[in-house]
């Protein structure tokens, strides 16, 4: 869970950095309003794409981890079930 929290903080910090950098860069370069608006839109689109990719990467990592945990849990449940069966059979045979 801590890893996911850290990843979310990194994504958040990255988003803030992208937005601040884009706004500062655009405002410091004097151009026509249409060019400035176009740059703002492109920066917003780039930030959106970056966030989408980051979220997708995090989702894939979580899915992989969940599948691994599910497999481990199933293996442990199978082991316990087999152990109970063996003990029950042993008790039946000893009676």
Protein backbone atom coordinates (compact mmCIF):
# COMPACT_ATOMS: atom_id res chain seq x y z
CA UNK A 1 0.00 0.00 0.00
CA UNK A 2 2.83 2.40 0.79
CA UNK A 3 4.23 1.84 -2.68
CA UNK A 4 0.88 2.80 -4.23
CA UNK A 5 0.69 5.92 -2.04
CA UNK A 6 4.21 6.91 -3.06
CA UNK A 7 3.36 6.33 -6.73
CA UNK A 8 0.27 8.51 -6.42
CA UNK A 9 2.35 11.25 -4.83
CA UNK A 10 4.89 11.03 -7.65
CA UNK A 11 2.14 11.26 -10.27
CA UNK A 12 0.60 14.23 -8.45
CA UNK A 13 3.94 16.01 -8.18
CA UNK A 14 4.63 15.32 -11.84
CA UNK A 15 1.27 16.78 -12.83
CA UNK A 16 1.86 19.92 -10.78
CA UNK A 17 5.34 20.29 -12.30
CA UNK A 18 4.02 19.92 -15.83
CA UNK A 19 1.27 22.49 -15.29
CA UNK A 20 3.51 25.03 -13.54
CA UNK A 21 6.24 24.64 -16.14
CA UNK A 22 3.85 24.96 -19.05
CA UNK A 23 2.13 28.03 -17.64
CA UNK A 24 5.43 29.72 -16.76
CA UNK A 25 6.87 28.99 -20.19
CA UNK A 26 3.84 30.27 -22.02
CA UNK A 27 3.46 33.41 -19.95
CA UNK A 28 7.12 34.35 -20.29
CA UNK A 29 7.16 34.10 -24.07
CA UNK A 30 5.14 36.96 -25.55
CA UNK A 31 3.19 35.85 -28.61
CA UNK A 32 -0.17 36.45 -30.20
CA UNK A 33 -3.20 35.31 -28.23
CA UNK A 34 -4.03 32.58 -30.73
CA UNK A 35 -0.53 31.10 -30.49
CA UNK A 36 -0.62 31.31 -26.70
CA UNK A 37 -4.01 29.58 -26.56
CA UNK A 38 -2.76 26.91 -28.94
CA UNK A 39 0.29 26.33 -26.75
CA UNK A 40 -1.88 26.14 -23.63
CA UNK A 41 -4.15 23.58 -25.31
CA UNK A 42 -1.16 21.53 -26.46
CA UNK A 43 0.39 21.64 -23.00
CA UNK A 44 -2.91 20.57 -21.45
CA UNK A 45 -3.18 17.71 -23.95
CA UNK A 46 0.41 16.62 -23.25
CA UNK A 47 -0.26 16.69 -19.50
CA UNK A 48 -3.45 14.69 -19.99
CA UNK A 49 -1.62 12.08 -22.06
CA UNK A 50 1.14 11.84 -19.48
CA UNK A 51 -1.37 11.35 -16.67
CA UNK A 52 -3.27 8.72 -18.66
CA UNK A 53 -0.06 6.77 -19.24
CA UNK A 54 0.93 7.01 -15.58
CA UNK A 55 -2.48 5.85 -14.43
CA UNK A 56 -2.46 2.97 -16.92
CA UNK A 57 1.01 1.90 -15.72
CA UNK A 58 -0.17 1.98 -12.09
CA UNK A 59 -3.31 0.04 -12.99
CA UNK A 60 -1.28 -2.63 -14.78
CA UNK A 61 1.09 -2.94 -11.83
CA UNK A 62 -1.83 -3.30 -9.40
CA UNK A 63 -3.52 -5.88 -11.62
CA UNK A 64 -0.32 -7.90 -11.83
CA UNK A 65 0.13 -7.76 -8.06
CA UNK A 66 -3.50 -8.78 -7.48
CA UNK A 67 -3.15 -11.75 -9.84
CA UNK A 68 0.01 -12.84 -8.06
CA UNK A 69 -1.65 -12.56 -4.64
CA UNK A 70 -4.69 -14.44 -5.89
CA UNK A 71 -2.49 -17.29 -7.14
CA UNK A 72 -0.64 -17.42 -3.82
CA UNK A 73 -3.89 -17.45 -1.85
CA UNK A 74 -5.30 -20.24 -4.02
CA UNK A 75 -2.15 -22.32 -3.57
CA UNK A 76 -2.29 -21.86 0.22
CA UNK A 77 -6.00 -22.78 0.28
CA UNK A 78 -5.27 -25.91 -1.76
CA UNK A 79 -2.47 -26.86 0.65
CA UNK A 80 -4.74 -26.40 3.67
CA UNK A 81 -7.54 -28.37 2.03
CA UNK A 82 -5.20 -31.24 1.25
CA UNK A 83 -3.85 -31.19 4.81
CA UNK A 84 -7.39 -31.34 6.27
CA UNK A 85 -8.28 -34.24 3.96
CA UNK A 86 -5.16 -36.13 5.00
CA UNK A 87 -5.87 -35.58 8.70
CA UNK A 88 -9.52 -36.63 8.28
CA UNK A 89 -8.45 -39.76 6.41
CA UNK A 90 -5.87 -40.51 9.08
CA UNK A 91 -8.50 -40.17 11.80
CA UNK A 92 -10.90 -42.45 9.91
CA UNK A 93 -8.23 -45.10 9.48
CA UNK A 94 -7.18 -45.00 13.13
CA UNK A 95 -10.75 -45.59 14.39
